[in-house]
C-alpha atoms as a PDB file:
ATOM      1  CA  MET A   1     -10.323  13.207  27.349  1.00  0.00           C
ATOM      2  CA  SER A   2     -10.934  16.426  29.247  1.00  0.00           C
ATOM      3  CA  ASP A   3     -14.092  16.995  31.324  1.00  0.00           C
ATOM      4  CA  THR A   4     -14.999  20.478  32.533  1.00  0.00           C
ATOM      5  CA  PHE A   5     -18.049  22.145  34.027  1.00  0.00           C
ATOM      6  CA  LEU A   6     -19.617  25.188  32.421  1.00  0.00           C
ATOM      7  CA  TYR A   7     -22.228  27.333  34.145  1.00  0.00           C
ATOM      8  CA  THR A   8     -24.389  28.791  31.414  1.00  0.00           C
ATOM      9  CA  THR A   9     -28.060  28.940  30.414  1.00  0.00           C
ATOM     10  CA  PRO A  10     -30.548  26.450  28.932  1.00  0.00           C
ATOM     11  CA  LEU A  11     -30.459  28.676  25.841  1.00  0.00           C
ATOM     12  CA  ASP A  12     -26.778  27.907  25.223  1.00  0.00           C
ATOM     13  CA  PRO A  13     -26.537  26.106  21.844  1.00  0.00           C
ATOM     14  CA  ARG A  14     -24.306  23.463  23.465  1.00  0.00           C
ATOM     15  CA  ALA A  15     -27.236  22.480  25.708  1.00  0.00           C
ATOM     16  CA  LYS A  16     -29.672  21.865  22.851  1.00  0.00           C
ATOM     17  CA  PRO A  17     -28.603  18.290  21.958  1.00  0.00           C
ATOM     18  CA  LEU A  18     -28.887  17.240  25.619  1.00  0.00           C
ATOM     19  CA  ILE A  19     -32.259  18.926  26.077  1.00  0.00           C
ATOM     20  CA  ASP A  20     -33.536  17.411  22.819  1.00  0.00           C
ATOM     21  CA  GLU A  21     -32.416  13.941  23.900  1.00  0.00           C
ATOM     22  CA  LEU A  22     -33.993  14.369  27.340  1.00  0.00           C
ATOM     23  CA  THR A  23     -37.269  15.477  25.748  1.00  0.00           C
ATOM     24  CA  TYR A  24     -37.173  12.431  23.455  1.00  0.00           C
ATOM     25  CA  GLU A  25     -36.462  10.131  26.417  1.00  0.00           C
ATOM     26  CA  TYR A  26     -39.357  11.582  28.439  1.00  0.00           C
ATOM     27  CA  ASP A  27     -41.673  11.091  25.456  1.00  0.00           C
ATOM     28  CA  LYS A  28     -40.432   7.523  24.993  1.00  0.00           C
ATOM     29  CA  ARG A  29     -40.984   6.631  28.650  1.00  0.00           C
ATOM     30  CA  TYR A  30     -44.183   8.565  29.350  1.00  0.00           C
ATOM     31  CA  GLY A  31     -45.783   9.538  26.036  1.00  0.00           C
ATOM     32  CA  SER A  32     -48.834  11.656  26.832  1.00  0.00           C
ATOM     33  CA  TYR A  33     -49.218  10.173  30.342  1.00  0.00           C
ATOM     34  CA  PHE A  34     -48.754  13.555  32.036  1.00  0.00           C
ATOM     35  CA  SER A  35     -49.887  15.845  29.228  1.00  0.00           C
ATOM     36  CA  GLU A  36     -51.368  15.598  25.751  1.00  0.00           C
ATOM     37  CA  ALA A  37     -48.511  17.833  24.567  1.00  0.00           C
ATOM     38  CA  GLY A  38     -45.977  15.295  25.830  1.00  0.00           C
ATOM     39  CA  ALA A  39     -42.576  16.171  27.231  1.00  0.00           C
ATOM     40  CA  VAL A  40     -42.221  19.458  25.377  1.00  0.00           C
ATOM     41  CA  GLU A  41     -44.728  21.003  27.805  1.00  0.00           C
ATOM     42  CA  GLU A  42     -42.663  19.915  30.805  1.00  0.00           C
ATOM     43  CA  MET A  43     -39.405  21.032  29.207  1.00  0.00           C
ATOM     44  CA  ASN A  44     -40.838  24.506  28.586  1.00  0.00           C
ATOM     45  CA  ARG A  45     -42.523  24.805  31.972  1.00  0.00           C
ATOM     46  CA  TYR A  46     -39.895  27.141  33.423  1.00  0.00           C
ATOM     47  CA  PRO A  47     -38.250  30.131  31.763  1.00  0.00           C
ATOM     48  CA  ALA A  48     -34.476  30.089  31.375  1.00  0.00           C
ATOM     49  CA  GLU A  49     -34.287  32.844  34.011  1.00  0.00           C
ATOM     50  CA  ALA A  50     -35.492  30.376  36.675  1.00  0.00           C
ATOM     51  CA  PHE A  51     -32.123  28.633  36.312  1.00  0.00           C
ATOM     52  CA  ALA A  52     -29.998  31.766  36.620  1.00  0.00           C
ATOM     53  CA  PRO A  53     -28.094  33.182  39.584  1.00  0.00           C
ATOM     54  CA  PRO A  54     -28.611  34.344  42.226  1.00  0.00           C
ATOM     55  CA  TYR A  55     -31.437  31.847  42.866  1.00  0.00           C
ATOM     56  CA  GLY A  56     -30.640  29.087  40.385  1.00  0.00           C
ATOM     57  CA  ASN A  57     -28.026  27.809  37.992  1.00  0.00           C
ATOM     58  CA  PHE A  58     -27.613  25.724  34.847  1.00  0.00           C
ATOM     59  CA  LEU A  59     -24.650  23.411  34.402  1.00  0.00           C
ATOM     60  CA  LEU A  60     -23.171  21.561  31.451  1.00  0.00           C
ATOM     61  CA  LEU A  61     -20.537  18.872  31.761  1.00  0.00           C
ATOM     62  CA  LEU A  62     -18.312  19.265  28.721  1.00  0.00           C
ATOM     63  CA  ARG A  63     -15.988  16.619  27.345  1.00  0.00           C
ATOM     64  CA  ASN A  64     -13.530  18.066  24.868  1.00  0.00           C
ATOM     65  CA  GLY A  65     -15.887  21.013  24.448  1.00  0.00           C
ATOM     66  CA  GLU A  66     -19.038  18.938  23.796  1.00  0.00           C
ATOM     67  CA  ALA A  67     -21.922  18.647  26.282  1.00  0.00           C
ATOM     68  CA  VAL A  68     -22.125  15.109  27.703  1.00  0.00           C
ATOM     69  CA  GLY A  69     -24.231  15.840  30.784  1.00  0.00           C
ATOM     70  CA  GLY A  70     -25.974  18.589  32.608  1.00  0.00           C
ATOM     71  CA  GLY A  71     -28.444  19.692  35.188  1.00  0.00           C
ATOM     72  CA  ALA A  72     -29.957  22.715  36.817  1.00  0.00           C
ATOM     73  CA  PHE A  73     -31.510  24.038  39.960  1.00  0.00           C
ATOM     74  CA  LYS A  74     -33.975  26.746  40.813  1.00  0.00           C
ATOM     75  CA  HIS A  75     -35.276  28.411  43.936  1.00  0.00           C
ATOM     76  CA  TYR A  76     -37.745  26.258  45.890  1.00  0.00           C
ATOM     77  CA  ASP A  77     -37.738  28.179  49.177  1.00  0.00           C
ATOM     78  CA  ASP A  78     -35.245  30.276  51.154  1.00  0.00           C
ATOM     79  CA  HIS A  79     -33.248  27.205  52.222  1.00  0.00           C
ATOM     80  CA  THR A  80     -34.006  24.779  49.391  1.00  0.00           C
ATOM     81  CA  ALA A  81     -32.823  24.442  45.810  1.00  0.00           C
ATOM     82  CA  GLU A  82     -34.907  22.278  43.493  1.00  0.00           C
ATOM     83  CA  PHE A  83     -32.806  20.187  41.115  1.00  0.00           C
ATOM     84  CA  LYS A  84     -34.128  19.708  37.590  1.00  0.00           C
ATOM     85  CA  ARG A  85     -33.074  18.018  34.359  1.00  0.00           C
ATOM     86  CA  ILE A  86     -30.071  16.014  35.556  1.00  0.00           C
ATOM     87  CA  TRP A  87     -29.133  14.182  32.408  1.00  0.00           C
ATOM     88  CA  THR A  88     -26.267  12.422  30.657  1.00  0.00           C
ATOM     89  CA  ARG A  89     -25.972  11.506  27.021  1.00  0.00           C
ATOM     90  CA  SER A  90     -27.413   8.044  26.503  1.00  0.00           C
ATOM     91  CA  ASP A  91     -24.372   6.770  24.608  1.00  0.00           C
ATOM     92  CA  LEU A  92     -22.088   7.688  27.518  1.00  0.00           C
ATOM     93  CA  ARG A  93     -23.979   6.148  30.412  1.00  0.00           C
ATOM     94  CA  ARG A  94     -22.373   4.043  33.153  1.00  0.00           C
ATOM     95  CA  GLN A  95     -19.302   6.310  33.335  1.00  0.00           C
ATOM     96  CA  GLY A  96     -20.251   8.197  36.504  1.00  0.00           C
ATOM     97  CA  LEU A  97     -21.198  11.374  34.629  1.00  0.00           C
ATOM     98  CA  ALA A  98     -24.516  11.792  36.456  1.00  0.00           C
ATOM     99  CA  VAL A  99     -22.696  11.536  39.782  1.00  0.00           C
ATOM    100  CA  LYS A 100     -20.254  14.251  38.701  1.00  0.00           C
ATOM    101  CA  VAL A 101     -23.154  16.512  37.700  1.00  0.00           C
ATOM    102  CA  LEU A 102     -25.099  15.776  40.888  1.00  0.00           C
ATOM    103  CA  ILE A 103     -22.149  16.516  43.164  1.00  0.00           C
ATOM    104  CA  GLU A 104     -21.223  19.712  41.333  1.00  0.00           C
ATOM    105  CA  LEU A 105     -24.827  20.914  41.521  1.00  0.00           C
ATOM    106  CA  GLU A 106     -24.853  20.184  45.265  1.00  0.00           C
ATOM    107  CA  GLN A 107     -21.654  22.174  45.722  1.00  0.00           C
ATOM    108  CA  GLN A 108     -22.978  25.087  43.684  1.00  0.00           C
ATOM    109  CA  ALA A 109     -26.298  25.106  45.536  1.00  0.00           C
ATOM    110  CA  ALA A 110     -24.348  25.266  48.807  1.00  0.00           C
ATOM    111  CA  ARG A 111     -22.170  28.091  47.438  1.00  0.00           C
ATOM    112  CA  GLN A 112     -25.371  29.971  46.580  1.00  0.00           C
ATOM    113  CA  GLY A 113     -26.590  29.624  50.172  1.00  0.00           C
ATOM    114  CA  TYR A 114     -28.912  26.625  50.028  1.00  0.00           C
ATOM    115  CA  SER A 115     -28.809  24.001  52.787  1.00  0.00           C
ATOM    116  CA  ARG A 116     -31.382  21.567  51.387  1.00  0.00           C
ATOM    117  CA  ILE A 117     -32.044  19.951  48.004  1.00  0.00           C
ATOM    118  CA  TYR A 118     -35.468  18.883  46.783  1.00  0.00           C
ATOM    119  CA  LEU A 119     -36.068  17.038  43.535  1.00  0.00           C
ATOM    120  CA  THR A 120     -38.529  14.776  41.824  1.00  0.00           C
ATOM    121  CA  THR A 121     -38.123  12.088  39.224  1.00  0.00           C
ATOM    122  CA  GLY A 122     -40.649  10.109  37.279  1.00  0.00           C
ATOM    123  CA  PHE A 123     -41.893   6.674  38.243  1.00  0.00           C
ATOM    124  CA  ARG A 124     -40.458   5.185  35.031  1.00  0.00           C
ATOM    125  CA  GLN A 125     -36.905   6.298  35.821  1.00  0.00           C
ATOM    126  CA  PRO A 126     -35.481   3.603  38.123  1.00  0.00           C
ATOM    127  CA  GLU A 127     -31.925   4.629  37.234  1.00  0.00           C
ATOM    128  CA  ALA A 128     -32.526   8.069  38.715  1.00  0.00           C
ATOM    129  CA  VAL A 129     -34.157   6.604  41.824  1.00  0.00           C
ATOM    130  CA  GLY A 130     -31.101   4.392  42.343  1.00  0.00           C
ATOM    131  CA  LEU A 131     -28.716   7.304  41.867  1.00  0.00           C
ATOM    132  CA  TYR A 132     -30.472   9.518  44.405  1.00  0.00           C
ATOM    133  CA  LEU A 133     -30.784   6.776  47.015  1.00  0.00           C
ATOM    134  CA  LYS A 134     -27.110   5.830  46.595  1.00  0.00           C
ATOM    135  CA  TYR A 135     -25.938   9.418  47.084  1.00  0.00           C
ATOM    136  CA  GLY A 136     -27.733  10.231  50.303  1.00  0.00           C
ATOM    137  CA  TYR A 137     -31.138  11.461  49.182  1.00  0.00           C
ATOM    138  CA  THR A 138     -34.141  10.542  51.291  1.00  0.00           C
ATOM    139  CA  ALA A 139     -37.166   9.257  49.418  1.00  0.00           C
ATOM    140  CA  LEU A 140     -40.303  11.150  50.419  1.00  0.00           C
ATOM    141  CA  PHE A 141     -42.442   8.194  49.316  1.00  0.00           C
ATOM    142  CA  ASP A 142     -42.653   4.492  50.175  1.00  0.00           C
ATOM    143  CA  VAL A 143     -39.865   2.892  48.134  1.00  0.00           C
ATOM    144  CA  ASP A 144     -41.496  -0.527  48.554  1.00  0.00           C
ATOM    145  CA  ALA A 145     -44.768   0.574  46.917  1.00  0.00           C
ATOM    146  CA  ASP A 146     -45.448   0.477  43.184  1.00  0.00           C
ATOM    147  CA  PRO A 147     -43.901   3.800  42.041  1.00  0.00           C
ATOM    148  CA  GLU A 148     -46.674   4.361  39.487  1.00  0.00           C
ATOM    149  CA  ILE A 149     -49.139   5.150  42.286  1.00  0.00           C
ATOM    150  CA  TYR A 150     -47.108   8.287  42.993  1.00  0.00           C
ATOM    151  CA  LYS A 151     -46.346   9.321  39.398  1.00  0.00           C
ATOM    152  CA  SER A 152     -43.758  11.830  40.632  1.00  0.00           C
ATOM    153  CA  LEU A 153     -41.183  10.582  43.137  1.00  0.00           C
ATOM    154  CA  PRO A 154     -39.886  13.291  45.503  1.00  0.00           C
ATOM    155  CA  PHE A 155     -36.525  13.242  47.286  1.00  0.00           C
ATOM    156  CA  GLU A 156     -34.699  15.567  49.648  1.00  0.00           C
ATOM    157  CA  LYS A 157     -31.201  15.933  50.973  1.00  0.00           C
ATOM    158  CA  GLN A 158     -29.747  18.144  53.654  1.00  0.00           C
ATOM    159  CA  LEU A 159     -26.422  19.567  52.569  1.00  0.00           C
ATOM    160  CA  GLY A 160     -23.938  19.041  55.364  1.00  0.00           C
ATOM    161  CA  THR A 161     -21.362  16.597  56.612  1.00  0.00           C
ATOM    162  CA  HIS A 162     -22.540  13.679  54.448  1.00  0.00           C
ATOM    163  CA  ALA A 163     -22.431  15.856  51.326  1.00  0.00           C
ATOM    164  CA  ALA A 164     -18.975  17.130  52.279  1.00  0.00           C
ATOM    165  CA  ALA A 165     -17.682  13.558  52.634  1.00  0.00           C
ATOM    166  CA  VAL A 166     -19.089  12.528  49.241  1.00  0.00           C
ATOM    167  CA  ILE A 167     -17.730  15.675  47.619  1.00  0.00           C
ATOM    168  CA  ALA A 168     -14.277  15.145  49.133  1.00  0.00           C
ATOM    169  CA  ALA A 169     -14.187  11.576  47.818  1.00  0.00           C
ATOM    170  CA  GLN A 170     -14.791  12.649  44.206  1.00  0.00           C
ATOM    171  CA  PRO A 171     -12.055  13.952  41.926  1.00  0.00           C
ATOM    172  CA  SER A 172     -12.698  17.575  41.122  1.00  0.00           C
ATOM    173  CA  LEU A 173     -13.121  18.852  37.598  1.00  0.00           C
ATOM    174  CA  GLN A 174     -12.056  22.189  36.238  1.00  0.00           C
ATOM    175  CA  LEU A 175     -14.557  24.885  35.433  1.00  0.00           C
ATOM    176  CA  ALA A 176     -14.552  25.940  31.817  1.00  0.00           C
ATOM    177  CA  ALA A 177     -13.307  29.484  31.268  1.00  0.00           C
ATOM    178  CA  ASP A 178     -15.935  30.207  28.597  1.00  0.00           C
ATOM    179  CA  HIS A 179     -19.100  31.574  30.233  1.00  0.00           C
ATOM    180  CA  ARG A 180     -21.302  32.329  27.227  1.00  0.00           C
END
């Protein structure tokens, strides 16, 4: 089993199964709660260029050449990257893949000059809330309140010594040579 990171674009054919599954999952959890069009509207909210260098990036975690996880970030402000679409294949959960993606995205955001991360997750995604709290993100909402009152749950993280310690504790993965 060989895991590698690939920086590419949301239009990469290898990303499609992950994006399709994420769209399905959003629809399953939220239906038309946020929009009559469902998750497809949210998934098409930003053009692929928003997740391209120098201001953003799009990452796939490949296992034996197949996408098993991914995520992206885009420009939020001069110091802040906004993380989007951190996702792992549902049949491969509980293997630490989301952590690998999260840490790699943090490292790449830092390499691209960002010092702060901002992200939101939905109120029906307790797994994501747990992940972000465990890995040093600060909730910008009352974690003891019913999350549905907020709908969207914002988090932030300053990239710095804590991030460096977490990054150092994780085994590094190779970057894929193929940059389609």
